[in-house]
C-alpha atoms as a PDB file:
ATOM      1  CA  MET A   1      63.255 101.510  99.670  1.00  0.00           C
ATOM      2  CA  LEU A   2      66.717 102.969  98.955  1.00  0.00           C
ATOM      3  CA  ASP A   3      66.822 104.926  95.699  1.00  0.00           C
ATOM      4  CA  ARG A   4      70.296 104.221  94.315  1.00  0.00           C
ATOM      5  CA  ASN A   5      69.735 106.810  91.579  1.00  0.00           C
ATOM      6  CA  ASN A   6      69.490 109.647  94.070  1.00  0.00           C
ATOM      7  CA  LEU A   7      71.686 108.817  97.045  1.00  0.00           C
ATOM      8  CA  TYR A   8      73.559 112.098  97.472  1.00  0.00           C
ATOM      9  CA  PRO A   9      73.716 115.665  96.085  1.00  0.00           C
ATOM     10  CA  GLY A  10      75.489 115.887  92.734  1.00  0.00           C
ATOM     11  CA  GLN A  11      74.961 112.268  91.710  1.00  0.00           C
ATOM     12  CA  ARG A  12      75.064 111.969  87.932  1.00  0.00           C
ATOM     13  CA  SER A  13      72.177 110.418  86.048  1.00  0.00           C
ATOM     14  CA  ASP A  14      74.340 107.673  84.510  1.00  0.00           C
ATOM     15  CA  GLU A  15      76.412 107.021  87.637  1.00  0.00           C
ATOM     16  CA  LYS A  16      76.184 103.540  89.161  1.00  0.00           C
ATOM     17  CA  ILE A  17      76.810 103.114  92.886  1.00  0.00           C
ATOM     18  CA  LEU A  18      79.090 100.194  93.733  1.00  0.00           C
ATOM     19  CA  VAL A  19      79.660 100.850  97.448  1.00  0.00           C
ATOM     20  CA  PHE A  20      77.601 103.031  99.783  1.00  0.00           C
ATOM     21  CA  THR A  21      78.721 102.852 103.396  1.00  0.00           C
ATOM     22  CA  ARG A  22      79.063 104.750 106.639  1.00  0.00           C
ATOM     23  CA  ARG A  23      81.814 104.616 109.201  1.00  0.00           C
ATOM     24  CA  HIS A  24      81.828 101.475 111.308  1.00  0.00           C
ATOM     25  CA  TRP A  25      79.300 101.525 114.154  1.00  0.00           C
ATOM     26  CA  ILE A  26      82.107 101.240 116.717  1.00  0.00           C
ATOM     27  CA  GLN A  27      82.886 104.917 116.156  1.00  0.00           C
ATOM     28  CA  PHE A  28      79.454 106.006 117.434  1.00  0.00           C
ATOM     29  CA  PHE A  29      79.359 103.270 120.070  1.00  0.00           C
ATOM     30  CA  THR A  30      82.532 104.569 121.773  1.00  0.00           C
ATOM     31  CA  SER A  31      81.016 108.069 122.004  1.00  0.00           C
ATOM     32  CA  MET A  32      77.781 106.653 123.426  1.00  0.00           C
ATOM     33  CA  LEU A  33      79.688 104.519 125.938  1.00  0.00           C
ATOM     34  CA  ALA A  34      81.710 107.537 127.129  1.00  0.00           C
ATOM     35  CA  VAL A  35      78.542 109.611 127.667  1.00  0.00           C
ATOM     36  CA  LEU A  36      76.730 106.816 129.501  1.00  0.00           C
ATOM     37  CA  THR A  37      79.777 106.324 131.726  1.00  0.00           C
ATOM     38  CA  LEU A  38      79.810 110.015 132.658  1.00  0.00           C
ATOM     39  CA  VAL A  39      76.069 110.002 133.362  1.00  0.00           C
ATOM     40  CA  ALA A  40      76.426 106.906 135.540  1.00  0.00           C
ATOM     41  CA  ALA A  41      79.298 108.571 137.415  1.00  0.00           C
ATOM     42  CA  TYR A  42      77.146 111.661 138.043  1.00  0.00           C
ATOM     43  CA  ILE A  43      74.223 109.566 139.298  1.00  0.00           C
ATOM     44  CA  ALA A  44      76.533 107.642 141.634  1.00  0.00           C
ATOM     45  CA  ALA A  45      78.029 110.897 142.950  1.00  0.00           C
ATOM     46  CA  ALA A  46      74.558 112.374 143.437  1.00  0.00           C
ATOM     47  CA  ILE A  47      73.442 109.323 145.434  1.00  0.00           C
ATOM     48  CA  VAL A  48      76.511 109.573 147.659  1.00  0.00           C
ATOM     49  CA  ILE A  49      75.947 113.290 148.243  1.00  0.00           C
ATOM     50  CA  VAL A  50      72.274 112.751 149.132  1.00  0.00           C
ATOM     51  CA  ARG A  51      73.136 110.021 151.642  1.00  0.00           C
ATOM     52  CA  VAL A  52      76.211 111.622 153.214  1.00  0.00           C
ATOM     53  CA  THR A  53      75.274 115.299 153.536  1.00  0.00           C
ATOM     54  CA  PRO A  54      72.884 116.436 156.276  1.00  0.00           C
ATOM     55  CA  LEU A  55      70.764 118.405 153.795  1.00  0.00           C
ATOM     56  CA  ASP A  56      67.165 117.329 153.223  1.00  0.00           C
ATOM     57  CA  PHE A  57      66.790 116.659 149.474  1.00  0.00           C
ATOM     58  CA  THR A  58      63.128 115.661 149.787  1.00  0.00           C
ATOM     59  CA  ASP A  59      61.897 119.255 149.912  1.00  0.00           C
ATOM     60  CA  GLY A  60      62.883 122.877 149.526  1.00  0.00           C
ATOM     61  CA  ILE A  61      65.881 124.390 147.765  1.00  0.00           C
ATOM     62  CA  PRO A  62      68.182 121.301 147.971  1.00  0.00           C
ATOM     63  CA  ARG A  63      65.574 119.226 146.127  1.00  0.00           C
ATOM     64  CA  LEU A  64      65.114 121.963 143.499  1.00  0.00           C
ATOM     65  CA  VAL A  65      68.878 122.261 142.973  1.00  0.00           C
ATOM     66  CA  LEU A  66      69.278 118.476 142.632  1.00  0.00           C
ATOM     67  CA  ILE A  67      66.449 118.205 140.105  1.00  0.00           C
ATOM     68  CA  THR A  68      67.736 121.190 138.092  1.00  0.00           C
ATOM     69  CA  VAL A  69      71.337 119.952 137.930  1.00  0.00           C
ATOM     70  CA  THR A  70      70.228 116.421 137.055  1.00  0.00           C
ATOM     71  CA  GLY A  71      67.986 117.754 134.307  1.00  0.00           C
ATOM     72  CA  ILE A  72      70.813 119.843 132.836  1.00  0.00           C
ATOM     73  CA  VAL A  73      73.228 116.884 132.902  1.00  0.00           C
ATOM     74  CA  LEU A  74      70.746 114.574 131.175  1.00  0.00           C
ATOM     75  CA  LEU A  75      69.830 117.232 128.589  1.00  0.00           C
ATOM     76  CA  LEU A  76      73.489 117.884 127.725  1.00  0.00           C
ATOM     77  CA  ALA A  77      74.128 114.146 127.444  1.00  0.00           C
ATOM     78  CA  TRP A  78      71.150 113.731 125.100  1.00  0.00           C
ATOM     79  CA  LEU A  79      72.202 116.695 122.940  1.00  0.00           C
ATOM     80  CA  PHE A  80      75.758 115.397 122.691  1.00  0.00           C
ATOM     81  CA  LEU A  81      74.577 111.941 121.625  1.00  0.00           C
ATOM     82  CA  TYR A  82      72.143 113.464 119.126  1.00  0.00           C
ATOM     83  CA  VAL A  83      74.897 115.529 117.479  1.00  0.00           C
ATOM     84  CA  LYS A  84      77.230 112.525 117.432  1.00  0.00           C
ATOM     85  CA  PHE A  85      74.546 110.335 115.833  1.00  0.00           C
ATOM     86  CA  ILE A  86      73.796 112.927 113.147  1.00  0.00           C
ATOM     87  CA  ASP A  87      77.528 113.208 112.467  1.00  0.00           C
ATOM     88  CA  TYR A  88      77.802 109.410 112.201  1.00  0.00           C
ATOM     89  CA  TYR A  89      74.671 108.869 110.114  1.00  0.00           C
ATOM     90  CA  LEU A  90      75.280 111.645 107.593  1.00  0.00           C
ATOM     91  CA  ASP A  91      78.972 110.804 107.088  1.00  0.00           C
ATOM     92  CA  VAL A  92      78.963 108.538 104.023  1.00  0.00           C
ATOM     93  CA  TRP A  93      81.566 107.080 101.683  1.00  0.00           C
ATOM     94  CA  ILE A  94      80.599 106.209  98.120  1.00  0.00           C
ATOM     95  CA  LEU A  95      82.343 104.320  95.336  1.00  0.00           C
ATOM     96  CA  SER A  96      80.687 104.664  91.953  1.00  0.00           C
ATOM     97  CA  ASN A  97      81.711 103.508  88.502  1.00  0.00           C
ATOM     98  CA  GLU A  98      83.382 106.906  87.972  1.00  0.00           C
ATOM     99  CA  ARG A  99      84.611 108.338  91.266  1.00  0.00           C
ATOM    100  CA  ILE A 100      85.001 108.204  95.021  1.00  0.00           C
ATOM    101  CA  VAL A 101      82.821 110.569  97.042  1.00  0.00           C
ATOM    102  CA  GLN A 102      83.165 111.291 100.742  1.00  0.00           C
ATOM    103  CA  ILE A 103      80.526 113.349 102.540  1.00  0.00           C
ATOM    104  CA  LYS A 104      81.545 114.545 106.016  1.00  0.00           C
ATOM    105  CA  GLN A 105      79.097 116.223 108.363  1.00  0.00           C
ATOM    106  CA  ARG A 106      81.359 118.591 110.303  1.00  0.00           C
ATOM    107  CA  SER A 107      78.504 119.942 112.425  1.00  0.00           C
ATOM    108  CA  LEU A 108      74.735 120.305 112.231  1.00  0.00           C
ATOM    109  CA  PHE A 109      75.046 123.039 109.597  1.00  0.00           C
ATOM    110  CA  ASN A 110      78.424 122.286 108.015  1.00  0.00           C
ATOM    111  CA  ARG A 111      78.909 119.576 105.382  1.00  0.00           C
ATOM    112  CA  GLN A 112      82.031 118.856 103.345  1.00  0.00           C
ATOM    113  CA  ILE A 113      81.999 116.841 100.094  1.00  0.00           C
ATOM    114  CA  THR A 114      85.244 115.447  98.654  1.00  0.00           C
ATOM    115  CA  GLU A 115      85.326 113.878  95.188  1.00  0.00           C
ATOM    116  CA  LEU A 116      88.088 111.859  93.537  1.00  0.00           C
ATOM    117  CA  ASP A 117      87.863 110.782  89.909  1.00  0.00           C
ATOM    118  CA  LEU A 118      88.925 107.143  89.676  1.00  0.00           C
ATOM    119  CA  SER A 119      91.187 107.977  86.749  1.00  0.00           C
ATOM    120  CA  THR A 120      93.314 110.175  89.045  1.00  0.00           C
ATOM    121  CA  VAL A 121      93.838 107.460  91.670  1.00  0.00           C
ATOM    122  CA  GLN A 122      97.407 106.159  91.569  1.00  0.00           C
ATOM    123  CA  ASP A 123      97.585 103.965  94.648  1.00  0.00           C
ATOM    124  CA  VAL A 124      95.168 102.364  97.112  1.00  0.00           C
ATOM    125  CA  GLN A 125      96.107 100.777 100.427  1.00  0.00           C
ATOM    126  CA  SER A 126      94.112  99.406 103.333  1.00  0.00           C
ATOM    127  CA  LYS A 127      95.198  98.954 106.933  1.00  0.00           C
ATOM    128  CA  VAL A 128      93.564  97.175 109.845  1.00  0.00           C
ATOM    129  CA  LYS A 129      95.053  97.929 113.247  1.00  0.00           C
ATOM    130  CA  GLY A 130      94.419  96.548 116.708  1.00  0.00           C
ATOM    131  CA  ILE A 131      92.280  93.804 118.193  1.00  0.00           C
ATOM    132  CA  PHE A 132      88.964  95.623 117.716  1.00  0.00           C
ATOM    133  CA  GLY A 133      89.701  96.460 114.089  1.00  0.00           C
ATOM    134  CA  THR A 134      90.683  92.855 113.378  1.00  0.00           C
ATOM    135  CA  PHE A 135      87.691  91.192 115.047  1.00  0.00           C
ATOM    136  CA  LEU A 136      85.056  93.787 114.118  1.00  0.00           C
ATOM    137  CA  GLY A 137      86.299  94.220 110.562  1.00  0.00           C
ATOM    138  CA  TYR A 138      87.104  97.886 110.159  1.00  0.00           C
ATOM    139  CA  GLY A 139      90.196  99.866 109.225  1.00  0.00           C
ATOM    140  CA  THR A 140      91.569 102.737 107.166  1.00  0.00           C
ATOM    141  CA  ILE A 141      91.693 103.192 103.400  1.00  0.00           C
ATOM    142  CA  PHE A 142      94.565 105.275 101.998  1.00  0.00           C
ATOM    143  CA  VAL A 143      94.184 106.765  98.508  1.00  0.00           C
ATOM    144  CA  GLN A 144      96.897 108.612  96.600  1.00  0.00           C
ATOM    145  CA  THR A 145      95.952 110.649  93.549  1.00  0.00           C
ATOM    146  CA  ALA A 146      97.998 111.740  90.531  1.00  0.00           C
ATOM    147  CA  GLY A 147     100.294 114.695  91.117  1.00  0.00           C
ATOM    148  CA  THR A 148     100.204 114.503  94.926  1.00  0.00           C
ATOM    149  CA  THR A 149     102.361 112.844  97.546  1.00  0.00           C
ATOM    150  CA  GLU A 150      99.735 113.025 100.313  1.00  0.00           C
ATOM    151  CA  LEU A 151      97.570 110.038 101.152  1.00  0.00           C
ATOM    152  CA  LEU A 152      93.885 110.707 101.710  1.00  0.00           C
ATOM    153  CA  GLU A 153      92.592 108.765 104.711  1.00  0.00           C
ATOM    154  CA  PHE A 154      89.152 107.239 105.064  1.00  0.00           C
ATOM    155  CA  ARG A 155      88.956 106.002 108.660  1.00  0.00           C
ATOM    156  CA  TYR A 156      86.648 103.471 110.331  1.00  0.00           C
ATOM    157  CA  MET A 157      85.941 101.869 106.953  1.00  0.00           C
ATOM    158  CA  PRO A 158      83.960  98.600 107.198  1.00  0.00           C
ATOM    159  CA  ASP A 159      85.574  95.725 105.260  1.00  0.00           C
ATOM    160  CA  PRO A 160      88.576  97.819 104.109  1.00  0.00           C
ATOM    161  CA  TYR A 161      90.218  94.961 102.164  1.00  0.00           C
ATOM    162  CA  LEU A 162      87.045  94.345 100.186  1.00  0.00           C
ATOM    163  CA  VAL A 163      86.655  98.073  99.464  1.00  0.00           C
ATOM    164  CA  GLU A 164      90.288  98.268  98.329  1.00  0.00           C
ATOM    165  CA  LYS A 165      89.711  95.356  95.930  1.00  0.00           C
ATOM    166  CA  LYS A 166      86.584  96.978  94.504  1.00  0.00           C
ATOM    167  CA  ILE A 167      88.467 100.234  93.868  1.00  0.00           C
ATOM    168  CA  ILE A 168      91.295  98.403  92.097  1.00  0.00           C
ATOM    169  CA  ASP A 169      88.852  96.283  90.058  1.00  0.00           C
ATOM    170  CA  ARG A 170      86.934  99.378  89.008  1.00  0.00           C
ATOM    171  CA  GLN A 171      90.153 101.173  88.072  1.00  0.00           C
ATOM    172  CA  THR A 172      91.167  98.254  85.860  1.00  0.00           C
ATOM    173  CA  ALA A 173      87.754  98.167  84.187  1.00  0.00           C
ATOM    174  CA  LEU A 174      87.830 101.933  83.649  1.00  0.00           C
ATOM    175  CA  GLU A 175      91.304 101.748  82.105  1.00  0.00           C
ATOM    176  CA  GLU A 176      90.249  98.963  79.726  1.00  0.00           C
ATOM    177  CA  ARG A 177      87.113 100.867  78.739  1.00  0.00           C
ATOM    178  CA  THR A 178      89.115 104.025  78.097  1.00  0.00           C
ATOM    179  CA  LYS A 179      91.619 102.178  75.894  1.00  0.00           C
ATOM    180  CA  LYS A 180      88.801 100.585  73.890  1.00  0.00           C
ATOM    181  CA  GLU A 181      87.086 103.950  73.524  1.00  0.00           C
ATOM    182  CA  ILE A 182      90.263 105.596  72.207  1.00  0.00           C
ATOM    183  CA  SER A 183      91.221 102.728  69.903  1.00  0.00           C
ATOM    184  CA  GLY A 184      87.663 102.561  68.566  1.00  0.00           C
ATOM    185  CA  ALA A 185      87.669 106.286  67.800  1.00  0.00           C
ATOM    186  CA  ILE A 186      91.039 106.024  66.037  1.00  0.00           C
ATOM    187  CA  SER A 187      89.912 103.012  63.975  1.00  0.00           C
ATOM    188  CA  ARG A 188      86.889 105.000  62.816  1.00  0.00           C
ATOM    189  CA  GLY A 189      89.111 107.932  61.903  1.00  0.00           C
ATOM    190  CA  GLU A 190      87.632 110.070  64.660  1.00  0.00           C
ATOM    191  CA  GLN A 191      89.266 112.203  67.315  1.00  0.00           C
ATOM    192  CA  PRO A 192      89.111 110.566  70.781  1.00  0.00           C
ATOM    193  CA  SER A 193      87.163 112.578  73.317  1.00  0.00           C
ATOM    194  CA  ASP A 194      89.131 114.906  75.576  1.00  0.00           C
ATOM    195  CA  ARG A 195      87.657 113.119  78.601  1.00  0.00           C
ATOM    196  CA  ALA A 196      88.955 109.721  77.431  1.00  0.00           C
ATOM    197  CA  VAL A 197      92.414 111.101  76.658  1.00  0.00           C
ATOM    198  CA  GLU A 198      92.535 112.836  80.042  1.00  0.00           C
ATOM    199  CA  ARG A 199      91.499 109.646  81.839  1.00  0.00           C
ATOM    200  CA  LEU A 200      94.155 107.609  80.073  1.00  0.00           C
ATOM    201  CA  GLY A 201      96.769 110.259  80.813  1.00  0.00           C
ATOM    202  CA  ASN A 202      95.936 110.102  84.513  1.00  0.00           C
ATOM    203  CA  GLN A 203      96.038 106.326  84.567  1.00  0.00           C
ATOM    204  CA  LEU A 204      99.266 106.075  82.578  1.00  0.00           C
ATOM    205  CA  PRO A 205     101.278 109.202  83.385  1.00  0.00           C
ATOM    206  CA  ASP A 206     104.361 107.931  81.565  1.00  0.00           C
ATOM    207  CA  ILE A 207     102.650 107.997  78.136  1.00  0.00           C
ATOM    208  CA  ASP A 208     103.839 110.798  75.869  1.00  0.00           C
END
C-alpha cells in the first residue's frame, strides 16, 4: 500500500499530497519502440547475411561471431531499456498543500530535486500539443515564480488542465488561509508570523 506520508525524501510531517504523478507512459513507450525497431532491423539484417553469404554459420568461427554479436546487441538493448525505465519510474512530480516538488533521475546515480513554494508561484499555464497529446491526454505545465521571467516546464504531464486547476485552487486556498492567519493574529494583538507575512508578500507583490 502506498504510504502518502513518506512518498519522497524531505517530505514534511504535516504535508498533504494532492497530486503524485509520473511522466505520461508515452515517453517510455517511444524509447521502447525505438529499441525494438533497431533490434528487429538487426535480426532482419542477420537473417539476410546468413542466407546470402557463402559462409557456414552452423559451425566454427562464423557461428561464434554471429552468436557473440547477437548477444552484445541484445544486452545493450536490454541495458538501454532498463536505464530508460528507471529514469521514467523515478521521475516524479508532486503537488502538496504547500509546494510543488519535481524529482528528476538524471542517471542511475544522479538525482535532481526542484522545489517551488506555492506562495511564490505567480502564473500557471498548461499546453497540449499534437494529435497524440490531445487523444492520450498529456501536455506541458508552465510555472512562473515571483521575481523571475523564466517559465519552468514540466513536460509529458498527464491531465495537464486538471493539474493546472489544482495548482490554482490550492494557491487560492493558501492565500485565504494566510489572510485569515494574519488578520486573526492582528485581532488578538499579536505579531503575525514571518512565514505568513512572507507568503502574503509573494502572493500579493504590490502590497506595501
